[in-house]
Amino acid sequence: MLFSDFDTDGEMWTGDGKRTRRIAVAFSEPFKAVPSVMVTLEMLDIDNRSNHRAETVAEDITPEGFTIVFRTWGDTKIARARASWMAIGGVEAEDNWDDMY
């Protein structure tokens, strides 16, 4: 869950203009180099009386983790949002022969 602002009268639900939410994600084990990361919205609960504006991206990607950034703007009212992500890259393995010689 990225946020649930409906329950708490948070800024994504009650605010106007540019609003941003950042969520840090740590990988369970580090990658050998910066991986490719894809973020997608899994659920978006949005008010039907305003325009629907939303952007979800991955920023600050390192071998150890990244930040999910969710943005909205204008009069958009978002009650809650959930995202999924996938990271692809090389990881260390016990049978990594390149490191043995």
Protein backbone atom coordinates (compact mmCIF):
# COMPACT_ATOMS: atom_id res chain seq x y z
CA MET A 1 0.00 0.00 0.00
CA LEU A 2 1.43 3.37 -0.99
CA PHE A 3 -1.07 5.29 1.11
CA SER A 4 -4.63 5.34 2.42
CA ASP A 5 -5.45 9.04 2.87
CA PHE A 6 -9.25 8.69 2.90
CA ASP A 7 -9.21 7.25 6.43
CA THR A 8 -6.91 9.96 7.79
CA ASP A 9 -7.98 12.99 5.71
CA GLY A 10 -4.47 13.00 4.25
CA GLU A 11 -3.23 15.40 1.59
CA MET A 12 -3.85 13.06 -1.37
CA TRP A 13 -7.57 13.04 -0.45
CA THR A 14 -8.10 16.57 0.87
CA GLY A 15 -5.36 18.59 -0.87
CA ASP A 16 -5.14 20.46 -4.15
CA GLY A 17 -2.27 21.18 -6.51
CA LYS A 18 0.98 19.24 -6.73
CA ARG A 19 1.29 16.42 -4.19
CA THR A 20 3.96 13.74 -3.91
CA ARG A 21 4.38 10.63 -1.79
CA ARG A 22 7.75 8.80 -1.57
CA ILE A 23 8.15 5.24 -0.29
CA ALA A 24 11.60 3.71 0.22
CA VAL A 25 12.02 0.08 -0.88
CA ALA A 26 14.97 -2.07 0.23
CA PHE A 27 15.82 -5.20 -1.77
CA SER A 28 16.08 -8.43 0.25
CA GLU A 29 19.62 -8.78 -1.10
CA PRO A 30 21.70 -6.30 -3.09
CA PHE A 31 22.18 -6.56 -6.83
CA LYS A 32 25.67 -6.63 -8.40
CA ALA A 33 24.89 -3.36 -10.21
CA VAL A 34 21.96 -0.97 -10.52
CA PRO A 35 18.98 -3.09 -11.66
CA SER A 36 16.16 -2.16 -13.99
CA VAL A 37 13.05 -1.40 -11.93
CA MET A 38 9.44 -1.28 -13.09
CA VAL A 39 6.64 0.13 -10.91
CA THR A 40 2.97 -0.25 -11.74
CA LEU A 41 -0.23 0.79 -10.02
CA GLU A 42 -2.04 -2.23 -8.66
CA MET A 43 -5.03 -0.37 -7.20
CA LEU A 44 -6.22 3.24 -7.41
CA ASP A 45 -9.26 4.44 -5.46
CA ILE A 46 -10.07 7.89 -6.85
CA ASP A 47 -12.94 10.39 -6.51
CA ASN A 48 -15.15 10.50 -9.60
CA ARG A 49 -15.97 14.23 -9.23
CA SER A 50 -12.53 15.40 -10.35
CA ASN A 51 -10.06 14.69 -13.15
CA HIS A 52 -7.93 11.58 -12.77
CA ARG A 53 -4.24 12.49 -12.68
CA ALA A 54 -1.56 10.14 -11.36
CA GLU A 55 2.06 9.24 -12.03
CA THR A 56 4.06 6.42 -10.44
CA VAL A 57 7.80 6.05 -11.07
CA ALA A 58 10.95 4.50 -9.59
CA GLU A 59 13.67 6.99 -8.60
CA ASP A 60 17.03 6.89 -6.79
CA ILE A 61 17.68 3.29 -7.90
CA THR A 62 20.76 1.67 -6.35
CA PRO A 63 21.89 -1.96 -5.97
CA GLU A 64 20.35 -1.86 -2.45
CA GLY A 65 16.92 -0.37 -3.21
CA PHE A 66 14.92 2.48 -4.73
CA THR A 67 12.13 4.97 -4.05
CA ILE A 68 8.58 4.64 -5.36
CA VAL A 69 7.32 8.13 -6.18
CA PHE A 70 3.59 8.75 -6.58
CA ARG A 71 2.44 12.14 -7.86
CA THR A 72 -0.88 13.82 -8.47
CA TRP A 73 -1.87 17.41 -9.22
CA GLY A 74 -4.78 19.76 -9.80
CA ASP A 75 -8.11 18.93 -8.18
CA THR A 76 -7.58 15.14 -8.23
CA LYS A 77 -8.70 13.40 -5.02
CA ILE A 78 -7.12 10.00 -4.35
CA ALA A 79 -8.38 7.94 -1.42
CA ARG A 80 -5.76 5.19 -1.61
CA ALA A 81 -3.24 3.61 -3.95
CA ARG A 82 -1.27 0.38 -4.06
CA ALA A 83 1.70 -0.42 -6.32
CA SER A 84 3.71 -3.45 -7.35
CA TRP A 85 7.30 -3.47 -8.54
CA MET A 86 9.82 -5.75 -10.20
CA ALA A 87 13.60 -5.39 -10.26
CA ILE A 88 15.76 -7.24 -12.80
CA GLY A 89 19.53 -7.55 -12.58
CA GLY A 90 22.44 -9.77 -11.62
CA VAL A 91 22.83 -11.07 -8.06
CA GLU A 92 25.57 -12.99 -6.30
CA ALA A 93 25.16 -16.77 -6.27
CA GLU A 94 26.98 -19.63 -4.55
CA ASP A 95 27.85 -21.20 -7.91
CA ASN A 96 29.26 -17.98 -9.38
CA TRP A 97 32.40 -19.44 -10.99
CA ASP A 98 33.67 -16.04 -12.14
CA ASP A 99 34.61 -15.19 -8.55
CA MET A 100 36.43 -18.50 -7.94
CA TYR A 101 39.33 -17.93 -10.35
